[in-house]
């Protein structure tokens, strides 16, 4: 699966593009099947670096890379996937658990 097609890249603000937004829009969601790890994207440099909300051992805002997501392997060798049914929504909604 192509994690980030060009058509999606065009819809994501560049890094620091939502820096002053009180409630940025999450544009896409990645997840690692069989684990509790999920990455919600709010910004992308168009090449490799994302910024967004990461839910793993503990939830936090931070940077993560496309290369990193492509190389992660979960249980049984499963790879990170993009949620094809995810619809953009405010970060506050994600944080509140109303996904």
N, C-alpha and C. Protein backbone atom coordinates (compact mmCIF):
# COMPACT_ATOMS: atom_id res chain seq x y z
N UNK A 1 0.85 -1.19 0.00
CA UNK A 1 0.00 0.00 0.00
C UNK A 1 0.89 1.25 0.00
N UNK A 2 0.57 2.17 -0.87
CA UNK A 2 1.24 3.46 -0.89
C UNK A 2 0.69 4.27 0.29
N UNK A 3 1.56 4.62 1.23
CA UNK A 3 1.07 5.30 2.43
C UNK A 3 0.56 6.71 2.16
N UNK A 4 1.20 7.44 1.26
CA UNK A 4 0.82 8.84 1.06
C UNK A 4 0.82 9.19 -0.43
N UNK A 5 -0.28 8.96 -1.11
CA UNK A 5 -0.36 9.30 -2.54
C UNK A 5 -0.29 10.80 -2.77
N UNK A 6 0.14 11.19 -3.94
CA UNK A 6 0.27 12.62 -4.28
C UNK A 6 -1.03 13.38 -4.08
N UNK A 7 -2.14 12.75 -4.38
CA UNK A 7 -3.43 13.44 -4.21
C UNK A 7 -3.68 13.82 -2.76
N UNK A 8 -3.17 13.03 -1.83
CA UNK A 8 -3.32 13.33 -0.40
C UNK A 8 -2.29 14.36 0.04
N UNK A 9 -1.07 14.25 -0.47
CA UNK A 9 -0.01 15.21 -0.12
C UNK A 9 -0.48 16.64 -0.38
N UNK A 10 -1.17 16.85 -1.48
CA UNK A 10 -1.64 18.19 -1.86
C UNK A 10 -2.62 18.80 -0.86
N UNK A 11 -3.25 17.97 -0.04
CA UNK A 11 -4.26 18.47 0.90
C UNK A 11 -3.71 18.76 2.29
N UNK A 12 -2.46 18.37 2.55
CA UNK A 12 -1.87 18.51 3.89
C UNK A 12 -1.03 19.77 3.96
N UNK A 13 -1.28 20.64 4.95
CA UNK A 13 -0.46 21.85 5.11
C UNK A 13 1.01 21.50 5.33
N UNK A 14 1.88 22.40 4.91
CA UNK A 14 3.31 22.21 5.12
C UNK A 14 3.65 22.32 6.60
N UNK A 15 4.86 21.88 6.96
CA UNK A 15 5.29 21.99 8.35
C UNK A 15 5.16 23.43 8.82
N UNK A 16 4.68 23.60 10.01
CA UNK A 16 4.41 24.89 10.66
C UNK A 16 3.20 25.61 10.05
N UNK A 17 2.54 24.97 9.09
CA UNK A 17 1.40 25.58 8.44
C UNK A 17 0.17 25.73 9.33
N UNK A 18 0.11 24.97 10.41
CA UNK A 18 -1.03 25.08 11.34
C UNK A 18 -0.56 25.51 12.72
N UNK A 19 0.66 26.05 12.78
CA UNK A 19 1.28 26.39 14.06
C UNK A 19 0.41 27.29 14.94
N UNK A 20 -0.33 28.19 14.34
CA UNK A 20 -1.14 29.13 15.13
C UNK A 20 -2.61 28.74 15.19
N UNK A 21 -2.92 27.57 14.68
CA UNK A 21 -4.30 27.10 14.73
C UNK A 21 -4.59 26.51 16.10
N UNK A 22 -5.71 26.89 16.68
CA UNK A 22 -6.09 26.36 17.99
C UNK A 22 -6.55 24.91 17.88
N UNK A 23 -7.08 24.54 16.74
CA UNK A 23 -7.60 23.19 16.55
C UNK A 23 -7.38 22.75 15.10
N UNK A 24 -6.12 22.37 14.77
CA UNK A 24 -5.82 22.01 13.38
C UNK A 24 -6.61 20.79 12.92
N UNK A 25 -6.77 20.72 11.63
CA UNK A 25 -7.48 19.60 11.02
C UNK A 25 -6.52 18.43 10.82
N UNK A 26 -6.91 17.26 11.28
CA UNK A 26 -6.14 16.04 11.03
C UNK A 26 -6.53 15.57 9.64
N UNK A 27 -5.54 15.40 8.77
CA UNK A 27 -5.79 15.10 7.36
C UNK A 27 -5.78 13.62 7.02
N UNK A 28 -4.98 12.83 7.76
CA UNK A 28 -4.97 11.39 7.51
C UNK A 28 -4.51 10.64 8.75
N UNK A 29 -4.75 9.35 8.73
CA UNK A 29 -4.46 8.49 9.89
C UNK A 29 -3.71 7.25 9.40
N UNK A 30 -2.61 6.95 10.11
CA UNK A 30 -1.86 5.72 9.89
C UNK A 30 -1.99 4.87 11.15
N UNK A 31 -1.93 3.56 10.99
CA UNK A 31 -2.01 2.68 12.17
C UNK A 31 -1.20 1.42 11.91
N UNK A 32 -0.76 0.80 12.99
CA UNK A 32 -0.02 -0.45 12.91
C UNK A 32 -0.93 -1.56 13.43
N UNK A 33 -1.44 -2.42 12.53
CA UNK A 33 -2.37 -3.48 12.95
C UNK A 33 -1.78 -4.35 14.05
N UNK A 34 -2.64 -4.72 14.99
CA UNK A 34 -2.23 -5.59 16.07
C UNK A 34 -1.55 -4.89 17.22
N UNK A 35 -1.49 -3.56 17.14
CA UNK A 35 -0.88 -2.76 18.22
C UNK A 35 -1.81 -1.59 18.52
N UNK A 36 -1.45 -0.79 19.50
CA UNK A 36 -2.21 0.41 19.80
C UNK A 36 -1.62 1.66 19.17
N UNK A 37 -0.68 1.50 18.26
CA UNK A 37 -0.01 2.65 17.66
C UNK A 37 -0.82 3.24 16.50
N UNK A 38 -1.02 4.58 16.59
CA UNK A 38 -1.74 5.32 15.55
C UNK A 38 -1.07 6.68 15.38
N UNK A 39 -0.96 7.13 14.14
CA UNK A 39 -0.36 8.42 13.81
C UNK A 39 -1.40 9.26 13.07
N UNK A 40 -1.69 10.45 13.58
CA UNK A 40 -2.66 11.37 12.97
C UNK A 40 -1.89 12.56 12.41
N UNK A 41 -2.00 12.81 11.13
CA UNK A 41 -1.20 13.82 10.44
C UNK A 41 -1.92 15.16 10.35
N UNK A 42 -1.23 16.22 10.78
CA UNK A 42 -1.75 17.58 10.60
C UNK A 42 -0.89 18.39 9.63
N UNK A 43 0.40 18.02 9.49
CA UNK A 43 1.32 18.75 8.62
C UNK A 43 2.30 17.76 7.97
N UNK A 44 2.83 18.16 6.81
CA UNK A 44 3.78 17.30 6.08
C UNK A 44 4.71 18.18 5.27
N UNK A 45 5.99 17.87 5.27
CA UNK A 45 6.94 18.69 4.51
C UNK A 45 6.92 18.35 3.02
N UNK A 46 6.09 17.39 2.62
CA UNK A 46 5.98 17.02 1.21
C UNK A 46 7.01 16.00 0.78
N UNK A 47 7.91 15.66 1.68
CA UNK A 47 8.98 14.72 1.34
C UNK A 47 9.02 13.54 2.31
N UNK A 48 9.33 13.81 3.59
CA UNK A 48 9.49 12.71 4.54
C UNK A 48 8.95 13.00 5.95
N UNK A 49 8.93 14.25 6.37
CA UNK A 49 8.64 14.57 7.76
C UNK A 49 7.19 15.00 7.97
N UNK A 50 6.53 14.35 8.92
CA UNK A 50 5.17 14.68 9.33
C UNK A 50 5.19 15.34 10.71
N UNK A 51 4.12 16.06 11.01
CA UNK A 51 3.85 16.51 12.37
C UNK A 51 2.41 16.13 12.65
N UNK A 52 2.18 15.67 13.87
CA UNK A 52 0.81 15.30 14.21
C UNK A 52 0.72 14.70 15.60
N UNK A 53 -0.35 14.00 15.82
CA UNK A 53 -0.66 13.41 17.11
C UNK A 53 -0.39 11.92 17.03
N UNK A 54 0.45 11.45 17.92
CA UNK A 54 0.85 10.05 17.93
C UNK A 54 0.30 9.38 19.18
N UNK A 55 -0.41 8.29 18.98
CA UNK A 55 -0.92 7.50 20.10
C UNK A 55 -0.15 6.19 20.11
N UNK A 56 0.64 6.01 21.15
CA UNK A 56 1.44 4.79 21.29
C UNK A 56 1.49 4.42 22.76
N UNK A 57 2.69 4.39 23.31
CA UNK A 57 2.82 4.12 24.74
C UNK A 57 2.11 5.20 25.55
N UNK A 58 2.16 6.43 25.04
CA UNK A 58 1.40 7.54 25.60
C UNK A 58 1.16 8.53 24.47
N UNK A 59 0.03 9.23 24.47
CA UNK A 59 -0.28 10.16 23.37
C UNK A 59 0.55 11.44 23.46
N UNK A 60 1.01 11.93 22.30
CA UNK A 60 1.78 13.17 22.27
C UNK A 60 1.78 13.78 20.87
N UNK A 61 1.97 15.08 20.81
CA UNK A 61 2.18 15.76 19.54
C UNK A 61 3.66 15.67 19.22
N UNK A 62 3.99 15.42 17.95
CA UNK A 62 5.39 15.34 17.60
C UNK A 62 5.62 15.08 16.13
N UNK A 63 6.90 14.95 15.80
CA UNK A 63 7.32 14.69 14.43
C UNK A 63 7.56 13.20 14.23
N UNK A 64 7.29 12.73 13.02
CA UNK A 64 7.59 11.36 12.64
C UNK A 64 7.81 11.33 11.14
N UNK A 65 8.57 10.35 10.68
CA UNK A 65 8.93 10.36 9.27
C UNK A 65 8.23 9.25 8.49
N UNK A 66 8.04 9.52 7.22
CA UNK A 66 7.45 8.55 6.30
C UNK A 66 8.35 7.31 6.23
N UNK A 67 9.64 7.54 6.12
CA UNK A 67 10.59 6.43 6.05
C UNK A 67 10.47 5.54 7.28
N UNK A 68 10.31 6.16 8.44
CA UNK A 68 10.13 5.43 9.69
C UNK A 68 8.85 4.56 9.62
N UNK A 69 7.75 5.15 9.17
CA UNK A 69 6.50 4.41 9.07
C UNK A 69 6.61 3.25 8.08
N UNK A 70 7.33 3.47 7.00
CA UNK A 70 7.48 2.42 5.99
C UNK A 70 8.33 1.24 6.49
N UNK A 71 9.19 1.50 7.47
CA UNK A 71 10.10 0.46 7.96
C UNK A 71 9.62 -0.25 9.22
N UNK A 72 8.59 0.26 9.86
CA UNK A 72 8.09 -0.36 11.09
C UNK A 72 7.40 -1.68 10.76
N UNK A 73 7.64 -2.68 11.61
CA UNK A 73 6.97 -3.97 11.48
C UNK A 73 6.34 -4.31 12.82
N UNK A 74 5.11 -4.75 12.77
CA UNK A 74 4.39 -5.13 13.97
C UNK A 74 4.32 -6.64 14.10
N UNK A 75 3.36 -7.11 14.89
CA UNK A 75 3.18 -8.54 15.06
C UNK A 75 3.01 -9.25 13.70
N UNK A 76 3.64 -10.39 13.60
CA UNK A 76 3.57 -11.20 12.38
C UNK A 76 4.11 -10.47 11.15
N UNK A 77 4.94 -9.46 11.37
CA UNK A 77 5.54 -8.72 10.26
C UNK A 77 4.63 -7.73 9.58
N UNK A 78 3.49 -7.43 10.19
CA UNK A 78 2.54 -6.49 9.58
C UNK A 78 3.16 -5.10 9.48
N UNK A 79 2.73 -4.36 8.46
CA UNK A 79 3.25 -3.02 8.18
C UNK A 79 2.21 -1.95 8.55
N UNK A 80 2.70 -0.73 8.68
CA UNK A 80 1.81 0.41 8.91
C UNK A 80 0.90 0.58 7.70
N UNK A 81 -0.36 0.90 7.97
CA UNK A 81 -1.34 1.13 6.92
C UNK A 81 -1.97 2.51 7.08
N UNK A 82 -2.50 3.04 5.99
CA UNK A 82 -3.29 4.26 6.05
C UNK A 82 -4.76 3.87 6.14
N UNK A 83 -5.48 4.51 7.04
CA UNK A 83 -6.92 4.25 7.18
C UNK A 83 -7.62 4.87 5.97
N UNK A 84 -8.06 4.06 5.06
CA UNK A 84 -8.68 4.53 3.82
C UNK A 84 -10.06 5.14 4.06
N UNK A 85 -10.65 4.90 5.21
CA UNK A 85 -11.99 5.40 5.51
C UNK A 85 -11.98 6.61 6.44
N UNK A 86 -10.77 7.04 6.84
CA UNK A 86 -10.66 8.20 7.73
C UNK A 86 -11.06 9.47 6.99
N UNK A 87 -11.84 10.30 7.65
CA UNK A 87 -12.24 11.61 7.10
C UNK A 87 -11.61 12.71 7.94
N UNK A 88 -11.08 13.77 7.29
CA UNK A 88 -10.46 14.85 8.06
C UNK A 88 -11.40 15.37 9.14
N UNK A 89 -10.80 15.67 10.29
CA UNK A 89 -11.56 16.15 11.44
C UNK A 89 -10.64 16.92 12.37
N UNK A 90 -11.19 17.79 13.21
CA UNK A 90 -10.37 18.58 14.12
C UNK A 90 -9.60 17.70 15.11
N UNK A 91 -8.40 18.14 15.43
CA UNK A 91 -7.56 17.42 16.39
C UNK A 91 -8.26 17.24 17.73
N UNK A 92 -9.03 18.21 18.15
CA UNK A 92 -9.73 18.11 19.43
C UNK A 92 -10.65 16.89 19.46
N UNK A 93 -11.22 16.57 18.35
CA UNK A 93 -12.13 15.42 18.27
C UNK A 93 -11.34 14.12 18.42
N UNK A 94 -10.17 14.05 17.82
CA UNK A 94 -9.31 12.88 17.93
C UNK A 94 -8.88 12.71 19.39
N UNK A 95 -8.43 13.80 20.00
CA UNK A 95 -7.95 13.74 21.38
C UNK A 95 -9.06 13.36 22.36
N UNK A 96 -10.27 13.72 22.06
CA UNK A 96 -11.38 13.42 22.97
C UNK A 96 -11.88 11.98 22.82
N UNK A 97 -11.37 11.29 21.80
CA UNK A 97 -11.76 9.90 21.60
C UNK A 97 -13.03 9.73 20.77
N UNK A 98 -13.52 10.80 20.13
CA UNK A 98 -14.74 10.74 19.32
C UNK A 98 -14.44 10.41 17.87
N UNK A 99 -13.38 9.74 17.60
CA UNK A 99 -12.94 9.44 16.22
C UNK A 99 -14.03 8.75 15.50
